[in-house]
Amino acid sequence: MTVTTGQRIAAKRRELDLSQEGLGEALGVSRQSIYKWESDSSLPDVDKLVALSRLFHVSVGWLLGVEEDQEERISNDLSPAQLKLVEEILSRYQQSSQLTAEQQERVSELVEQKVRESRSPRHRRLRYGAACLALLLVLLAGRSLFARLKELDRQYTDLANSVGNITYSVNSQIGSITSRVEEILKSQNSLVADYATNIQSADLASNTVTFSVRVVPKTYTEGLEILLHADTGDGLVDVPAVPGPGQEFSGQITCPLTDSITLSAVLVDQGTRQTQLLGNYSSLYGSSLPVVDISLLESALLNIPRGEDGLFHVRENYGFLTGLSASVSAVNEDIGQSQVKQVQLGLFRNRALLFWLEPCSRPDNHHGFEEAEQWFHLPSVELDLQEGDELVFAALVTDQYGRQIVTPSLPASRVEGDEITWFSTSFDFPSEPDGWGLAG
């Protein structure tokens, strides 16, 4: 299996028993930069590669994956394929217009020296050194090339944005025309001349919401009755509307607070029932619950190999939660938002609880993170996992009314072959506790 630069950096960091933050402090970069390097989202600059090689006591070539491990390097020659690859790289940049005359001359010397020494096993160390030096020269000379490519990329982005703006404008015009046509058709087929629905109030303790509804039928006949109808996905609620002046019917309807509520008016005239859709309300329940974020545990399950005993050995780690006491604006101010009463953080396999993490104070080797509101300790643990098992950290949040929501930490992990790695396809995790096995 090919080992990436990020995996090499992560492995060496763990050998030195350094956290991502500690490595960042040693290199003068942020923890997020270390995270991006180890997840192969980006590569370190040349100066950072050199600093990493000195810190880890390895060569730059080894970090880039073009050089074998030090033990193998002493005992093995380059394969014919590796020799050909290095020669092609050196020859290509020997003629590059990005190199100065002095650099071109130096690369020429390296090419001749590498070809000459590749036939002598006594000089294999010099051959590796020449290849690494040539790669460094290429990287340094390529800075100006990267700058030009970056400028071209910026111009392409500007052009793409212009095309996107034009496309958006055209689509908006088409959408506007389509909406007007739909409104005309709805008006022609509508049973009501006018209507309005609004959230009147909410009672989070009883988990209910009350709507005020006003309906004016398009055709009024003596004896017409109108029922206000609410479909919450879990049940139906009907309330008779009260007739008023101007042939207007109005009333209030209270129903359970859910994430999908549909309001309708049922017109009953001489035994005939006709239903008119009035409005849809979504995400009201979810937006009324507190939201927490899980940090620092994303990489705890990354690139863990299966041990000789068949188990996965997870190292000790720490994570923290934010949002426990933050004043988060509610999606709908008429509903409001509750506060956290209790929170538990656990590790789940296939949405079934493996164990709960214990709350703790901030570890001595974790500096900063002023935003952390509650730390949790992940102990070293041995996991017996099978191919395809899904792993994720998730928080079970309970508000002051006893309502609960599950918040997972993404990205999730999965067992692929003999390694735990991040799963490339996003998981669709439910937020309702019923979708999780919470009994450990």
Protein backbone atom coordinates (compact mmCIF):
# COMPACT_ATOMS: atom_id res chain seq x y z
CA MET A 1 0.00 0.00 0.00
CA THR A 2 1.36 3.41 -0.98
CA VAL A 3 2.17 5.61 2.00
CA THR A 4 1.40 9.30 1.46
CA THR A 5 3.42 12.27 2.69
CA GLY A 6 0.69 13.06 5.23
CA GLN A 7 0.76 9.54 6.62
CA ARG A 8 4.57 9.70 6.95
CA ILE A 9 4.33 13.00 8.86
CA ALA A 10 1.60 11.61 11.15
CA ALA A 11 3.60 8.44 11.85
CA LYS A 12 6.79 10.33 12.74
CA ARG A 13 4.83 12.78 14.92
CA ARG A 14 3.36 9.90 16.90
CA GLU A 15 6.83 8.30 17.26
CA LEU A 16 7.98 11.53 18.93
CA ASP A 17 4.81 11.54 21.07
CA LEU A 18 3.87 14.99 19.77
CA SER A 19 0.35 16.37 19.42
CA GLN A 20 -0.65 18.23 16.26
CA GLU A 21 -0.48 21.44 18.27
CA GLY A 22 2.98 20.59 19.63
CA LEU A 23 4.33 19.89 16.15
CA GLY A 24 2.77 23.13 14.92
CA GLU A 25 4.53 25.10 17.68
CA ALA A 26 7.86 23.49 16.79
CA LEU A 27 7.45 24.50 13.14
CA GLY A 28 5.80 27.87 13.73
CA VAL A 29 2.51 26.88 12.06
CA SER A 30 -1.04 26.33 13.30
CA ARG A 31 -2.58 23.02 14.35
CA GLN A 32 -4.90 23.31 11.36
CA SER A 33 -1.88 23.32 9.02
CA ILE A 34 -0.59 20.09 10.59
CA TYR A 35 -4.08 18.61 10.27
CA LYS A 36 -4.18 19.49 6.54
CA TRP A 37 -0.72 18.00 5.94
CA GLU A 38 -1.56 14.74 7.68
CA SER A 39 -4.90 14.42 5.87
CA ASP A 40 -3.12 15.14 2.53
CA SER A 41 -5.30 18.20 1.93
CA SER A 42 -2.14 20.22 1.30
CA LEU A 43 1.65 19.80 1.20
CA PRO A 44 4.20 21.65 3.37
CA ASP A 45 6.33 24.37 1.78
CA VAL A 46 9.95 23.59 0.95
CA ASP A 47 11.28 25.25 4.12
CA LYS A 48 8.78 23.30 6.23
CA LEU A 49 9.80 20.04 4.51
CA VAL A 50 13.42 20.75 5.43
CA ALA A 51 12.40 21.58 9.02
CA LEU A 52 10.35 18.37 9.25
CA SER A 53 13.27 16.30 7.93
CA ARG A 54 15.57 17.75 10.61
CA LEU A 55 13.01 17.29 13.38
CA PHE A 56 12.21 13.69 12.37
CA HIS A 57 15.86 12.84 11.45
CA VAL A 58 14.82 11.67 8.00
CA SER A 59 15.53 12.92 4.51
CA VAL A 60 13.26 15.17 2.48
CA GLY A 61 13.12 12.46 -0.17
CA TRP A 62 11.72 10.01 2.36
CA LEU A 63 9.00 12.47 3.39
CA LEU A 64 8.05 12.98 -0.28
CA GLY A 65 7.92 9.23 -0.86
CA VAL A 66 10.65 9.20 -3.53
CA GLU A 67 13.25 7.60 -1.23
CA GLU A 68 13.13 4.31 0.63
CA ASP A 69 13.45 3.92 4.39
CA GLN A 70 16.95 4.49 5.71
CA GLU A 71 17.50 0.78 6.50
CA GLU A 72 16.47 -0.24 2.98
CA ARG A 73 18.44 2.61 1.43
CA ILE A 74 21.71 1.23 2.79
CA SER A 75 21.18 -2.28 1.45
CA ASN A 76 19.27 -1.83 -1.82
CA ASP A 77 19.93 -0.20 -5.19
CA LEU A 78 17.39 1.84 -7.06
CA SER A 79 15.15 -0.28 -9.22
CA PRO A 80 15.28 0.30 -13.01
CA ALA A 81 11.88 2.01 -12.83
CA GLN A 82 13.08 4.34 -10.05
CA LEU A 83 16.28 5.15 -11.97
CA LYS A 84 14.28 5.99 -15.07
CA LEU A 85 11.87 8.21 -13.07
CA VAL A 86 14.68 10.21 -11.44
CA GLU A 87 16.53 10.59 -14.76
CA GLU A 88 13.37 11.86 -16.47
CA ILE A 89 12.72 14.40 -13.69
CA LEU A 90 16.30 15.67 -13.73
CA SER A 91 16.49 15.83 -17.53
CA ARG A 92 13.17 17.64 -17.79
CA TYR A 93 14.17 20.38 -15.41
CA GLN A 94 17.68 20.56 -16.88
CA GLN A 95 16.09 22.29 -19.89
CA SER A 96 13.53 24.29 -17.86
CA SER A 97 13.39 28.01 -18.59
CA GLN A 98 12.59 28.55 -14.90
CA LEU A 99 16.20 27.63 -13.90
CA THR A 100 19.08 30.08 -13.91
CA ALA A 101 22.19 29.29 -15.93
CA GLU A 102 23.99 28.29 -12.75
CA GLN A 103 21.12 25.99 -11.70
CA GLN A 104 20.98 24.39 -15.18
CA GLU A 105 24.71 23.71 -15.02
CA ARG A 106 24.33 22.19 -11.56
CA VAL A 107 21.45 19.95 -12.69
CA SER A 108 23.54 18.83 -15.70
CA GLU A 109 26.34 17.83 -13.36
CA LEU A 110 23.87 15.93 -11.19
CA VAL A 111 22.42 14.08 -14.20
CA GLU A 112 25.85 12.99 -15.41
CA GLN A 113 26.96 12.10 -11.89
CA LYS A 114 23.77 10.09 -11.19
CA VAL A 115 24.04 8.10 -14.43
CA ARG A 116 27.72 7.41 -13.81
CA GLU A 117 27.32 6.44 -10.17
CA SER A 118 24.19 4.32 -10.74
CA ARG A 119 26.51 1.66 -12.16
CA SER A 120 28.64 1.58 -9.00
CA PRO A 121 27.09 0.12 -5.80
CA ARG A 122 29.83 1.80 -3.76
CA HIS A 123 28.33 5.23 -4.45
CA ARG A 124 24.66 4.56 -3.86
CA ARG A 125 24.59 7.07 -0.96
CA LEU A 126 25.87 9.82 -3.27
CA ARG A 127 23.33 8.82 -5.89
CA TYR A 128 20.45 9.24 -3.43
CA GLY A 129 21.91 12.51 -2.22
CA ALA A 130 22.18 13.83 -5.78
CA ALA A 131 18.58 12.91 -6.50
CA CYS A 132 17.36 14.68 -3.36
CA LEU A 133 19.46 17.79 -4.07
CA ALA A 134 18.10 17.88 -7.59
CA LEU A 135 14.56 17.63 -6.29
CA LEU A 136 15.21 20.53 -3.93
CA LEU A 137 16.58 22.61 -6.81
CA VAL A 138 13.49 21.76 -8.83
CA LEU A 139 11.21 22.76 -5.96
CA LEU A 140 13.04 26.05 -5.45
CA ALA A 141 13.03 26.86 -9.15
CA GLY A 142 9.40 25.83 -9.39
CA ARG A 143 8.29 28.56 -7.01
CA SER A 144 8.11 31.06 -9.84
CA LEU A 145 6.31 28.50 -11.97
CA PHE A 146 3.80 27.92 -9.17
CA ALA A 147 3.30 31.68 -8.93
CA ARG A 148 2.46 31.82 -12.63
CA LEU A 149 0.15 28.84 -12.29
CA LYS A 150 -1.52 30.52 -9.33
CA GLU A 151 -2.11 33.64 -11.42
CA LEU A 152 -3.58 31.55 -14.24
CA ASP A 153 -5.74 29.77 -11.69
CA ARG A 154 -6.95 33.14 -10.38
CA GLN A 155 -7.82 34.27 -13.92
CA TYR A 156 -9.64 30.99 -14.50
CA THR A 157 -11.54 31.44 -11.24
CA ASP A 158 -12.56 34.96 -12.25
CA LEU A 159 -13.76 33.67 -15.61
CA ALA A 160 -15.63 30.81 -13.94
CA ASN A 161 -17.26 33.28 -11.54
CA SER A 162 -18.34 35.46 -14.47
CA VAL A 163 -19.85 32.46 -16.24
CA GLY A 164 -21.48 31.42 -12.97
CA ASN A 165 -22.98 34.88 -12.49
CA ILE A 166 -24.41 34.83 -16.01
CA THR A 167 -25.79 31.32 -15.46
CA TYR A 168 -27.28 32.37 -12.13
CA SER A 169 -28.90 35.42 -13.73
CA VAL A 170 -30.43 33.34 -16.53
CA ASN A 171 -31.60 30.66 -14.11
CA SER A 172 -33.08 33.33 -11.84
CA GLN A 173 -35.05 34.80 -14.71
CA ILE A 174 -36.27 31.35 -15.73
CA GLY A 175 -37.11 30.57 -12.11
CA SER A 176 -38.99 33.85 -11.75
CA ILE A 177 -41.06 33.15 -14.86
CA THR A 178 -41.72 29.59 -13.66
CA SER A 179 -42.80 30.86 -10.25
CA ARG A 180 -45.19 33.37 -11.78
CA VAL A 181 -46.74 30.65 -13.95
CA GLU A 182 -47.09 28.36 -10.92
CA GLU A 183 -48.70 31.15 -8.90
CA ILE A 184 -51.19 31.81 -11.69
CA LEU A 185 -52.07 28.11 -11.90
CA LYS A 186 -52.37 27.87 -8.11
CA SER A 187 -54.60 30.92 -8.04
CA GLN A 188 -56.86 29.48 -10.71
CA ASN A 189 -57.10 26.11 -8.95
CA SER A 190 -57.14 27.43 -5.39
CA LEU A 191 -60.18 26.97 -3.18
CA VAL A 192 -59.41 30.15 -1.21
CA ALA A 193 -59.20 33.80 -2.19
CA ASP A 194 -56.81 34.65 0.65
CA TYR A 195 -55.11 32.95 3.58
CA ALA A 196 -52.32 33.37 6.15
CA THR A 197 -50.51 31.14 8.65
CA ASN A 198 -48.20 32.25 11.46
CA ILE A 199 -46.48 30.72 14.47
CA GLN A 200 -48.38 32.05 17.47
CA SER A 201 -46.36 30.47 20.29
CA ALA A 202 -44.46 27.37 21.38
CA ASP A 203 -44.27 25.38 24.60
CA LEU A 204 -40.96 23.50 24.68
CA ALA A 205 -41.83 21.87 28.01
CA SER A 206 -44.77 20.08 26.38
CA ASN A 207 -43.04 20.10 22.96
CA THR A 208 -45.98 21.75 21.17
CA VAL A 209 -46.40 24.66 18.79
CA THR A 210 -49.49 26.81 18.13
CA PHE A 211 -50.33 28.35 14.75
CA SER A 212 -52.82 31.11 13.95
CA VAL A 213 -54.64 30.58 10.65
CA ARG A 214 -56.88 32.85 8.56
CA VAL A 215 -58.80 31.62 5.47
CA VAL A 216 -61.15 33.40 3.04
CA PRO A 217 -62.89 30.89 0.71
CA LYS A 218 -63.06 31.79 -2.98
CA THR A 219 -66.68 30.62 -3.14
CA TYR A 220 -68.87 31.04 -0.07
CA THR A 221 -72.16 29.23 0.43
CA GLU A 222 -74.47 29.24 3.43
CA GLY A 223 -73.55 26.47 5.86
CA LEU A 224 -69.92 26.20 4.69
CA GLU A 225 -67.59 24.79 7.38
CA ILE A 226 -63.79 24.93 7.44
CA LEU A 227 -61.52 22.66 9.47
CA LEU A 228 -57.92 23.62 10.22
CA HIS A 229 -55.74 20.54 9.63
CA ALA A 230 -52.16 19.85 10.81
CA ASP A 231 -50.08 16.85 9.71
CA THR A 232 -46.96 16.48 11.93
CA GLY A 233 -45.63 13.29 10.36
CA ASP A 234 -46.44 11.48 13.61
CA GLY A 235 -50.17 12.23 13.65
CA LEU A 236 -53.06 14.46 12.52
CA VAL A 237 -54.82 17.31 14.33
CA ASP A 238 -58.13 18.93 13.25
CA VAL A 239 -59.69 22.09 14.73
CA PRO A 240 -62.84 23.89 13.45
CA ALA A 241 -62.28 27.44 12.21
CA VAL A 242 -64.54 30.22 13.47
CA PRO A 243 -66.51 32.23 10.84
CA GLY A 244 -66.11 36.00 11.03
CA PRO A 245 -66.92 39.18 9.12
CA GLY A 246 -66.22 39.35 5.41
CA GLN A 247 -66.69 35.60 4.94
CA GLU A 248 -63.40 35.05 6.78
CA PHE A 249 -62.65 31.96 8.87
CA SER A 250 -59.92 31.98 11.50
CA GLY A 251 -58.62 30.02 14.46
CA GLN A 252 -55.64 28.56 16.27
CA ILE A 253 -54.34 25.01 16.04
CA THR A 254 -51.89 23.39 18.47
CA CYS A 255 -49.92 20.30 17.47
CA PRO A 256 -46.74 18.42 18.47
CA LEU A 257 -43.50 20.21 17.58
CA THR A 258 -41.73 18.19 14.85
CA ASP A 259 -39.38 18.87 11.94
CA SER A 260 -42.15 18.55 9.34
CA ILE A 261 -45.57 20.18 9.83
CA THR A 262 -48.08 20.70 7.01
CA LEU A 263 -51.07 23.00 7.50
CA SER A 264 -54.22 22.70 5.37
CA ALA A 265 -57.80 23.94 5.29
CA VAL A 266 -60.58 21.38 4.76
CA LEU A 267 -63.70 22.98 3.24
CA VAL A 268 -66.88 21.02 4.04
CA ASP A 269 -69.92 22.03 1.97
CA GLN A 270 -73.08 19.90 2.00
CA GLY A 271 -71.14 16.72 2.77
CA THR A 272 -68.40 17.42 0.20
CA ARG A 273 -64.86 17.75 1.58
CA GLN A 274 -62.11 19.60 -0.33
CA THR A 275 -58.59 20.23 0.99
CA GLN A 276 -56.47 23.31 0.33
CA LEU A 277 -52.75 23.31 1.25
CA LEU A 278 -51.80 26.40 3.27
CA GLY A 279 -48.13 25.95 4.20
CA ASN A 280 -45.21 23.74 5.23
CA TYR A 281 -42.96 24.25 8.26
CA SER A 282 -39.67 22.33 8.48
CA SER A 283 -36.84 21.95 11.04
CA LEU A 284 -38.82 23.62 13.85
CA TYR A 285 -38.02 20.85 16.35
CA GLY A 286 -34.32 20.59 15.47
CA SER A 287 -33.81 24.34 15.59
CA SER A 288 -35.24 24.47 19.11
CA LEU A 289 -32.57 22.12 20.49
CA PRO A 290 -29.05 23.20 21.57
CA VAL A 291 -26.18 22.50 19.18
CA VAL A 292 -22.70 21.34 20.26
CA ASP A 293 -19.48 20.81 18.29
CA ILE A 294 -16.87 18.08 18.86
CA SER A 295 -13.19 18.99 18.32
CA LEU A 296 -9.74 17.31 18.31
CA LEU A 297 -11.05 13.75 17.99
CA GLU A 298 -11.23 13.76 14.17
CA SER A 299 -7.77 12.22 13.76
CA ALA A 300 -7.90 9.87 16.76
CA LEU A 301 -9.07 7.01 14.51
CA LEU A 302 -7.07 7.89 11.38
CA ASN A 303 -4.63 5.42 9.77
CA ILE A 304 -4.65 2.88 12.61
CA PRO A 305 -3.38 -0.51 11.34
CA ARG A 306 -4.62 -3.87 12.55
CA GLY A 307 -2.17 -5.34 15.04
CA GLU A 308 -0.61 -8.79 14.89
CA ASP A 309 -3.19 -9.89 17.46
CA GLY A 310 -5.97 -8.92 15.02
CA LEU A 311 -7.07 -5.94 17.10
CA PHE A 312 -6.90 -2.20 16.44
CA HIS A 313 -4.93 -0.38 19.15
CA VAL A 314 -6.30 3.15 19.63
CA ARG A 315 -3.94 5.50 21.46
CA GLU A 316 -4.91 7.78 24.32
CA ASN A 317 -6.31 11.12 23.17
CA TYR A 318 -8.38 14.11 24.26
CA GLY A 319 -11.23 16.11 22.76
CA PHE A 320 -13.56 18.88 23.80
CA LEU A 321 -17.05 20.27 23.20
CA THR A 322 -18.16 23.81 22.40
CA GLY A 323 -21.63 25.33 22.30
CA LEU A 324 -22.73 24.10 25.72
CA SER A 325 -23.52 27.58 27.00
CA ALA A 326 -23.30 29.69 23.86
CA SER A 327 -26.18 32.02 23.04
CA VAL A 328 -27.09 30.66 19.63
CA SER A 329 -29.72 32.51 17.64
CA ALA A 330 -32.73 30.31 17.02
CA VAL A 331 -33.76 29.60 13.45
CA ASN A 332 -37.23 30.86 14.32
CA GLU A 333 -37.46 33.42 17.12
CA ASP A 334 -41.08 32.42 17.78
CA ILE A 335 -39.92 28.95 18.78
CA GLY A 336 -36.83 29.86 20.80
CA GLN A 337 -34.02 27.52 21.80
CA SER A 338 -33.45 25.47 24.93
CA GLN A 339 -30.24 25.11 26.96
CA VAL A 340 -28.00 22.11 27.60
CA LYS A 341 -28.73 20.25 30.83
CA GLN A 342 -26.57 17.17 30.27
CA VAL A 343 -24.17 16.00 27.57
CA GLN A 344 -22.44 12.66 27.05
CA LEU A 345 -19.74 11.88 24.48
CA GLY A 346 -19.32 8.34 23.22
CA LEU A 347 -17.61 6.21 20.58
CA PHE A 348 -20.07 4.33 18.36
CA ARG A 349 -19.63 1.38 16.01
CA ASN A 350 -22.34 1.08 13.38
CA ARG A 351 -24.38 3.57 15.50
CA ALA A 352 -24.17 1.28 18.55
CA LEU A 353 -22.40 2.57 21.67
CA LEU A 354 -18.99 1.06 22.44
CA PHE A 355 -18.30 3.21 25.52
CA TRP A 356 -18.77 6.70 26.96
CA LEU A 357 -15.75 9.00 27.30
CA GLU A 358 -15.07 10.41 30.76
CA PRO A 359 -15.20 14.20 31.31
CA CYS A 360 -11.88 15.69 32.45
CA SER A 361 -10.00 18.95 32.90
CA ARG A 362 -7.79 20.37 30.17
CA PRO A 363 -4.65 18.22 29.65
CA ASP A 364 -1.34 19.84 30.59
CA ASN A 365 0.10 19.36 27.09
CA HIS A 366 -2.86 21.06 25.37
CA HIS A 367 -2.33 24.82 25.41
CA GLY A 368 -4.75 27.36 24.06
CA PHE A 369 -8.19 26.16 23.00
CA GLU A 370 -9.90 28.88 25.03
CA GLU A 371 -13.14 28.01 23.26
CA ALA A 372 -13.25 24.57 24.91
CA GLU A 373 -16.14 24.27 27.38
CA GLN A 374 -15.80 20.60 28.40
CA TRP A 375 -12.86 18.25 27.85
CA PHE A 376 -13.19 14.47 27.48
CA HIS A 377 -10.59 11.71 27.84
CA LEU A 378 -10.26 8.94 25.25
CA PRO A 379 -8.30 6.09 26.91
CA SER A 380 -6.05 3.73 24.99
CA VAL A 381 -8.29 0.88 23.91
CA GLU A 382 -8.18 -2.30 21.83
CA LEU A 383 -11.02 -2.69 19.32
CA ASP A 384 -12.11 -5.93 17.66
CA LEU A 385 -13.49 -4.66 14.34
CA GLN A 386 -14.58 -6.20 11.07
CA GLU A 387 -14.30 -5.03 7.47
CA GLY A 388 -16.79 -2.22 6.77
CA ASP A 389 -17.43 -1.29 10.41
CA GLU A 390 -18.26 2.41 10.78
CA LEU A 391 -16.84 4.39 13.72
CA VAL A 392 -17.86 7.86 14.88
CA PHE A 393 -17.74 9.99 18.01
CA ALA A 394 -21.18 11.41 18.88
CA ALA A 395 -22.61 13.60 21.64
CA LEU A 396 -25.97 12.83 23.28
CA VAL A 397 -27.39 16.21 24.35
CA THR A 398 -30.31 16.53 26.79
CA ASP A 399 -31.98 19.91 27.29
CA GLN A 400 -33.77 21.23 30.39
CA TYR A 401 -37.06 19.78 29.15
CA GLY A 402 -35.69 16.25 28.81
CA ARG A 403 -35.62 16.33 25.01
CA GLN A 404 -32.59 14.72 23.35
CA ILE A 405 -30.58 15.05 20.14
CA VAL A 406 -27.49 13.19 18.86
CA THR A 407 -24.69 15.22 17.23
CA PRO A 408 -21.96 13.18 15.43
CA SER A 409 -18.39 14.33 14.76
CA LEU A 410 -17.42 14.30 11.09
CA PRO A 411 -15.64 12.92 9.18
CA ALA A 412 -16.49 9.43 10.34
CA SER A 413 -14.13 6.45 10.04
CA ARG A 414 -14.41 3.02 8.53
CA VAL A 415 -12.44 -0.23 8.55
CA GLU A 416 -11.04 -0.82 5.07
CA GLY A 417 -8.80 -3.84 4.74
CA ASP A 418 -6.48 -3.87 7.73
CA GLU A 419 -6.68 -0.16 8.51
CA ILE A 420 -9.06 2.36 10.04
CA THR A 421 -9.35 5.37 7.76
CA TRP A 422 -11.67 8.26 7.05
CA PHE A 423 -14.58 7.27 4.89
CA SER A 424 -14.70 9.14 1.57
CA THR A 425 -18.50 9.03 1.29
CA SER A 426 -20.42 11.12 3.80
CA PHE A 427 -22.57 9.26 6.31
CA ASP A 428 -26.23 10.13 6.78
CA PHE A 429 -26.49 10.01 10.57
CA PRO A 430 -29.89 10.53 12.24
CA SER A 431 -30.23 13.16 14.95
CA GLU A 432 -33.00 11.30 16.78
CA PRO A 433 -31.81 9.06 19.66
CA ASP A 434 -34.06 6.25 18.37
CA GLY A 435 -31.65 5.86 15.45
CA TRP A 436 -28.75 4.99 17.79
CA GLY A 437 -28.02 2.11 20.14
CA LEU A 438 -27.32 4.07 23.33
CA ALA A 439 -27.10 1.11 25.71
CA GLY A 440 -23.42 0.21 25.99
